[in-house]
């Protein structure tokens, strides 16, 4: 029983080891400037919150990403203009940030 407690304590004293996955965009028909970004929790990690990194096409070219936090597995994104947008999600806990998800590309309608 003590060995099991040690493994649990070791797991809880480090940043997340796996990345969020299944990132999807929920778009509202007729409202092209607003989306909801949704993702699945990383496997085997007890997350506290997430960092969502986003950038437009021009910002990606200049490596300028914006970051916002989310306490759940979704985030509303507003004020989108006709453009290509890129999103990545990263889990975090009190011990630090985990690996970054694959990048999702979304193109808004004009």
PDB file of N, CA and C in Angstrom:
ATOM      1  N   UNK A   1       0.820  -1.190   0.000  1.00  0.00           N
ATOM      2  CA  UNK A   1       0.000   0.000   0.000  1.00  0.00           C
ATOM      3  C   UNK A   1       0.869   1.262   0.000  1.00  0.00           C
ATOM      4  N   UNK A   2       1.989   1.247   0.678  1.00  0.00           N
ATOM      5  CA  UNK A   2       2.870   2.406   0.730  1.00  0.00           C
ATOM      6  C   UNK A   2       3.436   2.700  -0.661  1.00  0.00           C
ATOM      7  N   UNK A   3       3.800   1.669  -1.433  1.00  0.00           N
ATOM      8  CA  UNK A   3       4.332   1.872  -2.775  1.00  0.00           C
ATOM      9  C   UNK A   3       3.303   2.569  -3.661  1.00  0.00           C
ATOM     10  N   UNK A   4       2.050   2.168  -3.560  1.00  0.00           N
ATOM     11  CA  UNK A   4       0.985   2.802  -4.339  1.00  0.00           C
ATOM     12  C   UNK A   4       0.859   4.282  -3.971  1.00  0.00           C
ATOM     13  N   UNK A   5       0.945   4.610  -2.697  1.00  0.00           N
ATOM     14  CA  UNK A   5       0.878   6.001  -2.250  1.00  0.00           C
ATOM     15  C   UNK A   5       2.046   6.812  -2.790  1.00  0.00           C
ATOM     16  N   UNK A   6       3.224   6.226  -2.855  1.00  0.00           N
ATOM     17  CA  UNK A   6       4.404   6.924  -3.392  1.00  0.00           C
ATOM     18  C   UNK A   6       4.222   7.238  -4.877  1.00  0.00           C
ATOM     19  N   UNK A   7       3.703   6.255  -5.621  1.00  0.00           N
ATOM     20  CA  UNK A   7       3.476   6.488  -7.059  1.00  0.00           C
ATOM     21  C   UNK A   7       2.443   7.582  -7.270  1.00  0.00           C
ATOM     22  N   UNK A   8       1.385   7.603  -6.476  1.00  0.00           N
ATOM     23  CA  UNK A   8       0.360   8.635  -6.586  1.00  0.00           C
ATOM     24  C   UNK A   8       0.957   9.999  -6.260  1.00  0.00           C
ATOM     25  N   UNK A   9       1.748  10.085  -5.209  1.00  0.00           N
ATOM     26  CA  UNK A   9       2.376  11.350  -4.821  1.00  0.00           C
ATOM     27  C   UNK A   9       3.350  11.819  -5.899  1.00  0.00           C
ATOM     28  N   UNK A  10       4.097  10.907  -6.507  1.00  0.00           N
ATOM     29  CA  UNK A  10       5.043  11.284  -7.558  1.00  0.00           C
ATOM     30  C   UNK A  10       4.297  11.817  -8.775  1.00  0.00           C
ATOM     31  N   UNK A  11       3.191  11.181  -9.125  1.00  0.00           N
ATOM     32  CA  UNK A  11       2.407  11.630 -10.270  1.00  0.00           C
ATOM     33  C   UNK A  11       1.837  13.022 -10.023  1.00  0.00           C
ATOM     34  N   UNK A  12       1.434  13.299  -8.816  1.00  0.00           N
ATOM     35  CA  UNK A  12       0.810  14.575  -8.498  1.00  0.00           C
ATOM     36  C   UNK A  12       1.814  15.703  -8.302  1.00  0.00           C
ATOM     37  N   UNK A  13       3.100  15.415  -8.296  1.00  0.00           N
ATOM     38  CA  UNK A  13       4.098  16.456  -8.046  1.00  0.00           C
ATOM     39  C   UNK A  13       4.882  16.824  -9.297  1.00  0.00           C
ATOM     40  N   UNK A  14       4.238  16.736 -10.450  1.00  0.00           N
ATOM     41  CA  UNK A  14       4.902  17.093 -11.701  1.00  0.00           C
ATOM     42  C   UNK A  14       3.871  17.665 -12.672  1.00  0.00           C
ATOM     43  N   UNK A  15       4.344  18.372 -13.682  1.00  0.00           N
ATOM     44  CA  UNK A  15       3.414  18.906 -14.693  1.00  0.00           C
ATOM     45  C   UNK A  15       2.740  17.773 -15.449  1.00  0.00           C
ATOM     46  N   UNK A  16       1.646  18.067 -16.139  1.00  0.00           N
ATOM     47  CA  UNK A  16       0.980  17.036 -16.940  1.00  0.00           C
ATOM     48  C   UNK A  16       1.929  16.432 -17.971  1.00  0.00           C
ATOM     49  N   UNK A  17       1.781  15.141 -18.216  1.00  0.00           N
ATOM     50  CA  UNK A  17       2.682  14.449 -19.138  1.00  0.00           C
ATOM     51  C   UNK A  17       2.089  14.261 -20.534  1.00  0.00           C
ATOM     52  N   UNK A  18       0.782  14.326 -20.661  1.00  0.00           N
ATOM     53  CA  UNK A  18       0.172  14.135 -21.980  1.00  0.00           C
ATOM     54  C   UNK A  18      -0.543  15.408 -22.416  1.00  0.00           C
ATOM     55  N   UNK A  19      -0.839  15.482 -23.699  1.00  0.00           N
ATOM     56  CA  UNK A  19      -1.401  16.712 -24.246  1.00  0.00           C
ATOM     57  C   UNK A  19      -2.900  16.581 -24.496  1.00  0.00           C
ATOM     58  N   UNK A  20      -3.628  17.705 -24.454  1.00  0.00           N
ATOM     59  CA  UNK A  20      -5.040  17.664 -24.829  1.00  0.00           C
ATOM     60  C   UNK A  20      -5.175  17.197 -26.277  1.00  0.00           C
ATOM     61  N   UNK A  21      -6.297  16.573 -26.610  1.00  0.00           N
ATOM     62  CA  UNK A  21      -6.490  16.032 -27.948  1.00  0.00           C
ATOM     63  C   UNK A  21      -7.925  16.261 -28.408  1.00  0.00           C
ATOM     64  N   UNK A  22      -8.204  15.855 -29.650  1.00  0.00           N
ATOM     65  CA  UNK A  22      -9.536  16.019 -30.264  1.00  0.00           C
ATOM     66  C   UNK A  22     -10.011  17.467 -30.203  1.00  0.00           C
ATOM     67  N   UNK A  23      -9.163  18.382 -30.611  1.00  0.00           N
ATOM     68  CA  UNK A  23      -9.547  19.788 -30.622  1.00  0.00           C
ATOM     69  C   UNK A  23     -10.499  20.014 -31.793  1.00  0.00           C
ATOM     70  N   UNK A  24     -11.639  20.622 -31.500  1.00  0.00           N
ATOM     71  CA  UNK A  24     -12.636  20.895 -32.533  1.00  0.00           C
ATOM     72  C   UNK A  24     -13.147  22.325 -32.393  1.00  0.00           C
ATOM     73  N   UNK A  25     -13.729  22.815 -33.467  1.00  0.00           N
ATOM     74  CA  UNK A  25     -14.344  24.136 -33.481  1.00  0.00           C
ATOM     75  C   UNK A  25     -15.842  23.957 -33.650  1.00  0.00           C
ATOM     76  N   UNK A  26     -16.602  24.612 -32.781  1.00  0.00           N
ATOM     77  CA  UNK A  26     -18.051  24.663 -32.912  1.00  0.00           C
ATOM     78  C   UNK A  26     -18.372  26.068 -33.404  1.00  0.00           C
ATOM     79  N   UNK A  27     -18.841  26.146 -34.647  1.00  0.00           N
ATOM     80  CA  UNK A  27     -19.159  27.442 -35.243  1.00  0.00           C
ATOM     81  C   UNK A  27     -20.674  27.630 -35.266  1.00  0.00           C
ATOM     82  N   UNK A  28     -21.090  28.862 -35.037  1.00  0.00           N
ATOM     83  CA  UNK A  28     -22.511  29.188 -35.076  1.00  0.00           C
ATOM     84  C   UNK A  28     -22.877  29.623 -36.493  1.00  0.00           C
ATOM     85  N   UNK A  29     -23.888  29.012 -37.069  1.00  0.00           N
ATOM     86  CA  UNK A  29     -24.280  29.362 -38.429  1.00  0.00           C
ATOM     87  C   UNK A  29     -24.732  30.815 -38.479  1.00  0.00           C
ATOM     88  N   UNK A  30     -24.199  31.545 -39.447  1.00  0.00           N
ATOM     89  CA  UNK A  30     -24.565  32.943 -39.609  1.00  0.00           C
ATOM     90  C   UNK A  30     -23.768  33.901 -38.745  1.00  0.00           C
ATOM     91  N   UNK A  31     -22.938  33.379 -37.857  1.00  0.00           N
ATOM     92  CA  UNK A  31     -22.116  34.233 -36.987  1.00  0.00           C
ATOM     93  C   UNK A  31     -20.662  33.804 -37.159  1.00  0.00           C
ATOM     94  N   UNK A  32     -19.983  34.431 -38.099  1.00  0.00           N
ATOM     95  CA  UNK A  32     -18.645  34.001 -38.468  1.00  0.00           C
ATOM     96  C   UNK A  32     -17.549  34.554 -37.563  1.00  0.00           C
ATOM     97  N   UNK A  33     -17.904  35.466 -36.673  1.00  0.00           N
ATOM     98  CA  UNK A  33     -16.880  36.082 -35.823  1.00  0.00           C
ATOM     99  C   UNK A  33     -16.790  35.424 -34.451  1.00  0.00           C
ATOM    100  N   UNK A  34     -17.546  34.363 -34.222  1.00  0.00           N
ATOM    101  CA  UNK A  34     -17.602  33.714 -32.906  1.00  0.00           C
ATOM    102  C   UNK A  34     -17.542  32.200 -33.072  1.00  0.00           C
ATOM    103  N   UNK A  35     -16.654  31.545 -32.308  1.00  0.00           N
ATOM    104  CA  UNK A  35     -16.574  30.081 -32.286  1.00  0.00           C
ATOM    105  C   UNK A  35     -16.383  29.618 -30.848  1.00  0.00           C
ATOM    106  N   UNK A  36     -16.608  28.364 -30.642  1.00  0.00           N
ATOM    107  CA  UNK A  36     -16.257  27.732 -29.369  1.00  0.00           C
ATOM    108  C   UNK A  36     -15.219  26.666 -29.687  1.00  0.00           C
ATOM    109  N   UNK A  37     -14.081  26.792 -29.068  1.00  0.00           N
ATOM    110  CA  UNK A  37     -13.012  25.814 -29.211  1.00  0.00           C
ATOM    111  C   UNK A  37     -13.221  24.765 -28.130  1.00  0.00           C
ATOM    112  N   UNK A  38     -13.198  23.497 -28.505  1.00  0.00           N
ATOM    113  CA  UNK A  38     -13.480  22.406 -27.579  1.00  0.00           C
ATOM    114  C   UNK A  38     -12.384  21.361 -27.703  1.00  0.00           C
ATOM    115  N   UNK A  39     -12.052  20.674 -26.606  1.00  0.00           N
ATOM    116  CA  UNK A  39     -11.011  19.643 -26.640  1.00  0.00           C
ATOM    117  C   UNK A  39     -11.262  18.603 -25.565  1.00  0.00           C
ATOM    118  N   UNK A  40     -10.579  17.475 -25.713  1.00  0.00           N
ATOM    119  CA  UNK A  40     -10.666  16.390 -24.738  1.00  0.00           C
ATOM    120  C   UNK A  40      -9.488  16.488 -23.768  1.00  0.00           C
ATOM    121  N   UNK A  41      -9.758  16.103 -22.553  1.00  0.00           N
ATOM    122  CA  UNK A  41      -8.705  16.128 -21.529  1.00  0.00           C
ATOM    123  C   UNK A  41      -7.555  15.212 -21.920  1.00  0.00           C
ATOM    124  N   UNK A  42      -6.335  15.552 -21.505  1.00  0.00           N
ATOM    125  CA  UNK A  42      -5.217  14.627 -21.725  1.00  0.00           C
ATOM    126  C   UNK A  42      -5.472  13.332 -20.956  1.00  0.00           C
ATOM    127  N   UNK A  43      -4.948  12.258 -21.450  1.00  0.00           N
ATOM    128  CA  UNK A  43      -5.113  10.977 -20.782  1.00  0.00           C
ATOM    129  C   UNK A  43      -4.276  10.925 -19.502  1.00  0.00           C
ATOM    130  N   UNK A  44      -4.825  10.357 -18.467  1.00  0.00           N
ATOM    131  CA  UNK A  44      -4.120  10.052 -17.221  1.00  0.00           C
ATOM    132  C   UNK A  44      -3.583  11.267 -16.468  1.00  0.00           C
ATOM    133  N   UNK A  45      -4.106  12.448 -16.713  1.00  0.00           N
ATOM    134  CA  UNK A  45      -3.658  13.621 -15.969  1.00  0.00           C
ATOM    135  C   UNK A  45      -4.852  14.275 -15.303  1.00  0.00           C
ATOM    136  N   UNK A  46      -4.650  14.756 -14.091  1.00  0.00           N
ATOM    137  CA  UNK A  46      -5.693  15.456 -13.370  1.00  0.00           C
ATOM    138  C   UNK A  46      -5.424  16.949 -13.508  1.00  0.00           C
ATOM    139  N   UNK A  47      -6.035  17.583 -14.504  1.00  0.00           N
ATOM    140  CA  UNK A  47      -5.742  18.971 -14.819  1.00  0.00           C
ATOM    141  C   UNK A  47      -6.476  19.939 -13.915  1.00  0.00           C
ATOM    142  N   UNK A  48      -5.875  21.051 -13.721  1.00  0.00           N
ATOM    143  CA  UNK A  48      -6.524  22.141 -13.018  1.00  0.00           C
ATOM    144  C   UNK A  48      -7.086  23.122 -14.041  1.00  0.00           C
ATOM    145  N   UNK A  49      -6.311  23.445 -15.072  1.00  0.00           N
ATOM    146  CA  UNK A  49      -6.746  24.392 -16.088  1.00  0.00           C
ATOM    147  C   UNK A  49      -5.951  24.182 -17.373  1.00  0.00           C
ATOM    148  N   UNK A  50      -6.216  25.041 -18.346  1.00  0.00           N
ATOM    149  CA  UNK A  50      -5.587  24.928 -19.660  1.00  0.00           C
ATOM    150  C   UNK A  50      -5.128  26.294 -20.144  1.00  0.00           C
ATOM    151  N   UNK A  51      -4.122  26.288 -20.980  1.00  0.00           N
ATOM    152  CA  UNK A  51      -3.706  27.483 -21.704  1.00  0.00           C
ATOM    153  C   UNK A  51      -4.066  27.254 -23.167  1.00  0.00           C
ATOM    154  N   UNK A  52      -4.772  28.209 -23.754  1.00  0.00           N
ATOM    155  CA  UNK A  52      -5.148  28.127 -25.156  1.00  0.00           C
ATOM    156  C   UNK A  52      -4.344  29.176 -25.907  1.00  0.00           C
ATOM    157  N   UNK A  53      -3.561  28.732 -26.861  1.00  0.00           N
ATOM    158  CA  UNK A  53      -2.703  29.614 -27.652  1.00  0.00           C
ATOM    159  C   UNK A  53      -3.359  29.784 -29.020  1.00  0.00           C
ATOM    160  N   UNK A  54      -3.456  31.026 -29.482  1.00  0.00           N
ATOM    161  CA  UNK A  54      -4.085  31.281 -30.770  1.00  0.00           C
ATOM    162  C   UNK A  54      -3.308  32.332 -31.548  1.00  0.00           C
ATOM    163  N   UNK A  55      -3.458  32.263 -32.864  1.00  0.00           N
ATOM    164  CA  UNK A  55      -2.787  33.229 -33.732  1.00  0.00           C
ATOM    165  C   UNK A  55      -3.487  33.250 -35.081  1.00  0.00           C
ATOM    166  N   UNK A  56      -3.516  34.422 -35.696  1.00  0.00           N
ATOM    167  CA  UNK A  56      -4.009  34.533 -37.066  1.00  0.00           C
ATOM    168  C   UNK A  56      -2.878  34.119 -38.005  1.00  0.00           C
ATOM    169  N   UNK A  57      -3.174  34.048 -39.274  1.00  0.00           N
ATOM    170  CA  UNK A  57      -2.166  33.654 -40.253  1.00  0.00           C
ATOM    171  C   UNK A  57      -0.938  34.569 -40.186  1.00  0.00           C
ATOM    172  N   UNK A  58      -1.168  35.887 -40.208  1.00  0.00           N
ATOM    173  CA  UNK A  58      -0.049  36.840 -40.147  1.00  0.00           C
ATOM    174  C   UNK A  58       0.747  36.696 -38.851  1.00  0.00           C
ATOM    175  N   UNK A  59       0.042  36.474 -37.746  1.00  0.00           N
ATOM    176  CA  UNK A  59       0.734  36.321 -36.459  1.00  0.00           C
ATOM    177  C   UNK A  59       1.569  35.049 -36.420  1.00  0.00           C
ATOM    178  N   UNK A  60       1.096  33.980 -37.047  1.00  0.00           N
ATOM    179  CA  UNK A  60       1.888  32.743 -37.099  1.00  0.00           C
ATOM    180  C   UNK A  60       3.184  32.991 -37.860  1.00  0.00           C
ATOM    181  N   UNK A  61       3.080  33.737 -38.962  1.00  0.00           N
ATOM    182  CA  UNK A  61       4.283  34.030 -39.743  1.00  0.00           C
ATOM    183  C   UNK A  61       5.325  34.790 -38.922  1.00  0.00           C
ATOM    184  N   UNK A  62       4.861  35.601 -37.986  1.00  0.00           N
ATOM    185  CA  UNK A  62       5.763  36.381 -37.126  1.00  0.00           C
ATOM    186  C   UNK A  62       5.953  35.759 -35.742  1.00  0.00           C
ATOM    187  N   UNK A  63       5.455  34.533 -35.566  1.00  0.00           N
ATOM    188  CA  UNK A  63       5.564  33.800 -34.292  1.00  0.00           C
ATOM    189  C   UNK A  63       5.012  34.617 -33.122  1.00  0.00           C
ATOM    190  N   UNK A  64       3.845  35.233 -33.331  1.00  0.00           N
ATOM    191  CA  UNK A  64       3.172  36.001 -32.274  1.00  0.00           C
ATOM    192  C   UNK A  64       1.887  35.275 -31.892  1.00  0.00           C
ATOM    193  N   UNK A  65       1.938  34.541 -30.817  1.00  0.00           N
ATOM    194  CA  UNK A  65       0.783  33.796 -30.325  1.00  0.00           C
ATOM    195  C   UNK A  65       0.194  34.513 -29.114  1.00  0.00           C
ATOM    196  N   UNK A  66      -1.122  34.529 -29.024  1.00  0.00           N
ATOM    197  CA  UNK A  66      -1.814  35.043 -27.847  1.00  0.00           C
ATOM    198  C   UNK A  66      -2.198  33.853 -26.981  1.00  0.00           C
ATOM    199  N   UNK A  67      -2.261  34.061 -25.680  1.00  0.00           N
ATOM    200  CA  UNK A  67      -2.622  32.969 -24.769  1.00  0.00           C
ATOM    201  C   UNK A  67      -3.720  33.414 -23.812  1.00  0.00           C
ATOM    202  N   UNK A  68      -4.667  32.508 -23.602  1.00  0.00           N
ATOM    203  CA  UNK A  68      -5.744  32.724 -22.630  1.00  0.00           C
ATOM    204  C   UNK A  68      -5.907  31.453 -21.818  1.00  0.00           C
ATOM    205  N   UNK A  69      -6.367  31.595 -20.615  1.00  0.00           N
ATOM    206  CA  UNK A  69      -6.567  30.402 -19.785  1.00  0.00           C
ATOM    207  C   UNK A  69      -8.038  29.994 -19.791  1.00  0.00           C
ATOM    208  N   UNK A  70      -8.252  28.721 -19.516  1.00  0.00           N
ATOM    209  CA  UNK A  70      -9.598  28.166 -19.426  1.00  0.00           C
ATOM    210  C   UNK A  70      -9.620  27.142 -18.307  1.00  0.00           C
ATOM    211  N   UNK A  71     -10.638  27.192 -17.485  1.00  0.00           N
ATOM    212  CA  UNK A  71     -10.733  26.226 -16.385  1.00  0.00           C
ATOM    213  C   UNK A  71     -11.439  24.942 -16.821  1.00  0.00           C
ATOM    214  N   UNK A  72     -12.061  24.948 -17.997  1.00  0.00           N
ATOM    215  CA  UNK A  72     -12.750  23.764 -18.501  1.00  0.00           C
ATOM    216  C   UNK A  72     -12.152  23.307 -19.814  1.00  0.00           C
ATOM    217  N   UNK A  73     -12.894  22.469 -20.526  1.00  0.00           N
ATOM    218  CA  UNK A  73     -12.387  21.915 -21.785  1.00  0.00           C
ATOM    219  C   UNK A  73     -12.993  22.609 -22.998  1.00  0.00           C
ATOM    220  N   UNK A  74     -13.256  23.902 -22.861  1.00  0.00           N
ATOM    221  CA  UNK A  74     -13.737  24.695 -23.982  1.00  0.00           C
ATOM    222  C   UNK A  74     -13.450  26.171 -23.726  1.00  0.00           C
ATOM    223  N   UNK A  75     -13.464  26.949 -24.801  1.00  0.00           N
ATOM    224  CA  UNK A  75     -13.208  28.382 -24.689  1.00  0.00           C
ATOM    225  C   UNK A  75     -13.908  29.093 -25.837  1.00  0.00           C
ATOM    226  N   UNK A  76     -14.657  30.138 -25.519  1.00  0.00           N
ATOM    227  CA  UNK A  76     -15.289  30.963 -26.547  1.00  0.00           C
ATOM    228  C   UNK A  76     -14.242  31.906 -27.130  1.00  0.00           C
ATOM    229  N   UNK A  77     -14.236  32.031 -28.454  1.00  0.00           N
ATOM    230  CA  UNK A  77     -13.311  32.926 -29.143  1.00  0.00           C
ATOM    231  C   UNK A  77     -14.164  33.888 -29.965  1.00  0.00           C
ATOM    232  N   UNK A  78     -13.984  35.183 -29.708  1.00  0.00           N
ATOM    233  CA  UNK A  78     -14.826  36.194 -30.339  1.00  0.00           C
ATOM    234  C   UNK A  78     -14.006  37.146 -31.208  1.00  0.00           C
ATOM    235  N   UNK A  79     -14.715  37.977 -31.935  1.00  0.00           N
ATOM    236  CA  UNK A  79     -14.136  39.037 -32.762  1.00  0.00           C
ATOM    237  C   UNK A  79     -13.197  38.515 -33.842  1.00  0.00           C
ATOM    238  N   UNK A  80     -13.547  37.374 -34.419  1.00  0.00           N
ATOM    239  CA  UNK A  80     -12.737  36.829 -35.503  1.00  0.00           C
ATOM    240  C   UNK A  80     -13.068  37.562 -36.801  1.00  0.00           C
ATOM    241  N   UNK A  81     -12.057  37.834 -37.565  1.00  0.00           N
ATOM    242  CA  UNK A  81     -12.201  38.464 -38.881  1.00  0.00           C
ATOM    243  C   UNK A  81     -11.991  37.375 -39.938  1.00  0.00           C
ATOM    244  N   UNK A  82     -12.380  37.629 -41.194  1.00  0.00           N
ATOM    245  CA  UNK A  82     -12.094  36.636 -42.238  1.00  0.00           C
ATOM    246  C   UNK A  82     -10.586  36.385 -42.323  1.00  0.00           C
ATOM    247  N   UNK A  83     -10.169  35.202 -41.971  1.00  0.00           N
ATOM    248  CA  UNK A  83      -8.750  34.888 -41.894  1.00  0.00           C
ATOM    249  C   UNK A  83      -8.581  33.410 -41.559  1.00  0.00           C
ATOM    250  N   UNK A  84      -7.363  32.944 -41.565  1.00  0.00           N
ATOM    251  CA  UNK A  84      -7.026  31.619 -41.043  1.00  0.00           C
ATOM    252  C   UNK A  84      -6.536  31.804 -39.611  1.00  0.00           C
ATOM    253  N   UNK A  85      -7.001  30.950 -38.719  1.00  0.00           N
ATOM    254  CA  UNK A  85      -6.594  31.008 -37.317  1.00  0.00           C
ATOM    255  C   UNK A  85      -6.020  29.652 -36.910  1.00  0.00           C
ATOM    256  N   UNK A  86      -5.108  29.700 -35.966  1.00  0.00           N
ATOM    257  CA  UNK A  86      -4.421  28.507 -35.489  1.00  0.00           C
ATOM    258  C   UNK A  86      -4.575  28.438 -33.982  1.00  0.00           C
ATOM    259  N   UNK A  87      -4.871  27.241 -33.481  1.00  0.00           N
ATOM    260  CA  UNK A  87      -5.107  27.053 -32.054  1.00  0.00           C
ATOM    261  C   UNK A  87      -4.312  25.857 -31.539  1.00  0.00           C
ATOM    262  N   UNK A  88      -3.746  26.017 -30.342  1.00  0.00           N
ATOM    263  CA  UNK A  88      -3.067  24.934 -29.628  1.00  0.00           C
ATOM    264  C   UNK A  88      -3.524  25.008 -28.169  1.00  0.00           C
ATOM    265  N   UNK A  89      -3.609  23.861 -27.516  1.00  0.00           N
ATOM    266  CA  UNK A  89      -4.050  23.804 -26.125  1.00  0.00           C
ATOM    267  C   UNK A  89      -2.981  23.098 -25.302  1.00  0.00           C
ATOM    268  N   UNK A  90      -2.781  23.596 -24.091  1.00  0.00           N
ATOM    269  CA  UNK A  90      -1.757  23.059 -23.201  1.00  0.00           C
ATOM    270  C   UNK A  90      -2.354  22.932 -21.802  1.00  0.00           C
ATOM    271  N   UNK A  91      -2.256  21.752 -21.227  1.00  0.00           N
ATOM    272  CA  UNK A  91      -2.753  21.538 -19.875  1.00  0.00           C
ATOM    273  C   UNK A  91      -1.745  22.074 -18.868  1.00  0.00           C
ATOM    274  N   UNK A  92      -2.253  22.530 -17.721  1.00  0.00           N
ATOM    275  CA  UNK A  92      -1.341  22.971 -16.666  1.00  0.00           C
ATOM    276  C   UNK A  92      -1.921  22.620 -15.307  1.00  0.00           C
ATOM    277  N   UNK A  93      -1.019  22.423 -14.373  1.00  0.00           N
ATOM    278  CA  UNK A  93      -1.416  22.231 -12.983  1.00  0.00           C
ATOM    279  C   UNK A  93      -0.474  23.075 -12.117  1.00  0.00           C
ATOM    280  N   UNK A  94      -0.527  22.908 -10.814  1.00  0.00           N
ATOM    281  CA  UNK A  94       0.289  23.746  -9.925  1.00  0.00           C
ATOM    282  C   UNK A  94       1.785  23.512 -10.111  1.00  0.00           C
ATOM    283  N   UNK A  95       2.165  22.424 -10.788  1.00  0.00           N
ATOM    284  CA  UNK A  95       3.587  22.108 -10.969  1.00  0.00           C
ATOM    285  C   UNK A  95       4.133  22.584 -12.320  1.00  0.00           C
ATOM    286  N   UNK A  96       3.260  23.067 -13.192  1.00  0.00           N
ATOM    287  CA  UNK A  96       3.750  23.596 -14.460  1.00  0.00           C
ATOM    288  C   UNK A  96       2.883  23.214 -15.640  1.00  0.00           C
ATOM    289  N   UNK A  97       3.413  23.513 -16.819  1.00  0.00           N
ATOM    290  CA  UNK A  97       2.716  23.270 -18.075  1.00  0.00           C
ATOM    291  C   UNK A  97       3.075  21.914 -18.662  1.00  0.00           C
ATOM    292  N   UNK A  98       2.104  21.276 -19.290  1.00  0.00           N
ATOM    293  CA  UNK A  98       2.331  20.015 -19.973  1.00  0.00           C
ATOM    294  C   UNK A  98       2.662  20.260 -21.430  1.00  0.00           C
ATOM    295  N   UNK A  99       2.740  19.199 -22.231  1.00  0.00           N
ATOM    296  CA  UNK A  99       3.050  19.345 -23.654  1.00  0.00           C
ATOM    297  C   UNK A  99       1.907  20.037 -24.399  1.00  0.00           C
ATOM    298  N   UNK A 100       2.264  20.685 -25.500  1.00  0.00           N
ATOM    299  CA  UNK A 100       1.303  21.418 -26.320  1.00  0.00           C
ATOM    300  C   UNK A 100       0.620  20.453 -27.287  1.00  0.00           C
ATOM    301  N   UNK A 101      -0.679  20.656 -27.488  1.00  0.00           N
ATOM    302  CA  UNK A 101      -1.438  19.817 -28.413  1.00  0.00           C
ATOM    303  C   UNK A 101      -0.994  20.049 -29.854  1.00  0.00           C
ATOM    304  N   UNK A 102      -1.487  19.211 -30.750  1.00  0.00           N
ATOM    305  CA  UNK A 102      -1.315  19.462 -32.161  1.00  0.00           C
ATOM    306  C   UNK A 102      -2.052  20.757 -32.497  1.00  0.00           C
ATOM    307  N   UNK A 103      -1.639  21.421 -33.555  1.00  0.00           N
ATOM    308  CA  UNK A 103      -2.255  22.687 -33.946  1.00  0.00           C
ATOM    309  C   UNK A 103      -3.500  22.437 -34.807  1.00  0.00           C
ATOM    310  N   UNK A 104      -4.572  23.140 -34.469  1.00  0.00           N
ATOM    311  CA  UNK A 104      -5.795  23.090 -35.249  1.00  0.00           C
ATOM    312  C   UNK A 104      -5.878  24.364 -36.080  1.00  0.00           C
ATOM    313  N   UNK A 105      -6.172  24.229 -37.363  1.00  0.00           N
ATOM    314  CA  UNK A 105      -6.341  25.371 -38.243  1.00  0.00           C
ATOM    315  C   UNK A 105      -7.824  25.555 -38.521  1.00  0.00           C
ATOM    316  N   UNK A 106      -8.307  26.789 -38.420  1.00  0.00           N
ATOM    317  CA  UNK A 106      -9.695  27.108 -38.699  1.00  0.00           C
ATOM    318  C   UNK A 106      -9.723  28.340 -39.594  1.00  0.00           C
ATOM    319  N   UNK A 107     -10.512  28.267 -40.670  1.00  0.00           N
ATOM    320  CA  UNK A 107     -10.660  29.383 -41.597  1.00  0.00           C
ATOM    321  C   UNK A 107     -12.059  29.951 -41.449  1.00  0.00           C
ATOM    322  N   UNK A 108     -12.134  31.237 -41.100  1.00  0.00           N
ATOM    323  CA  UNK A 108     -13.442  31.878 -40.950  1.00  0.00           C
ATOM    324  C   UNK A 108     -13.998  32.197 -42.334  1.00  0.00           C
ATOM    325  N   UNK A 109     -15.311  32.283 -42.408  1.00  0.00           N
ATOM    326  CA  UNK A 109     -15.962  32.647 -43.654  1.00  0.00           C
ATOM    327  C   UNK A 109     -16.007  34.165 -43.774  1.00  0.00           C
ATOM    328  N   UNK A 110     -16.010  34.645 -45.008  1.00  0.00           N
ATOM    329  CA  UNK A 110     -16.064  36.099 -45.184  1.00  0.00           C
ATOM    330  C   UNK A 110     -17.499  36.569 -45.320  1.00  0.00           C
TER     331      UNK A 110
END
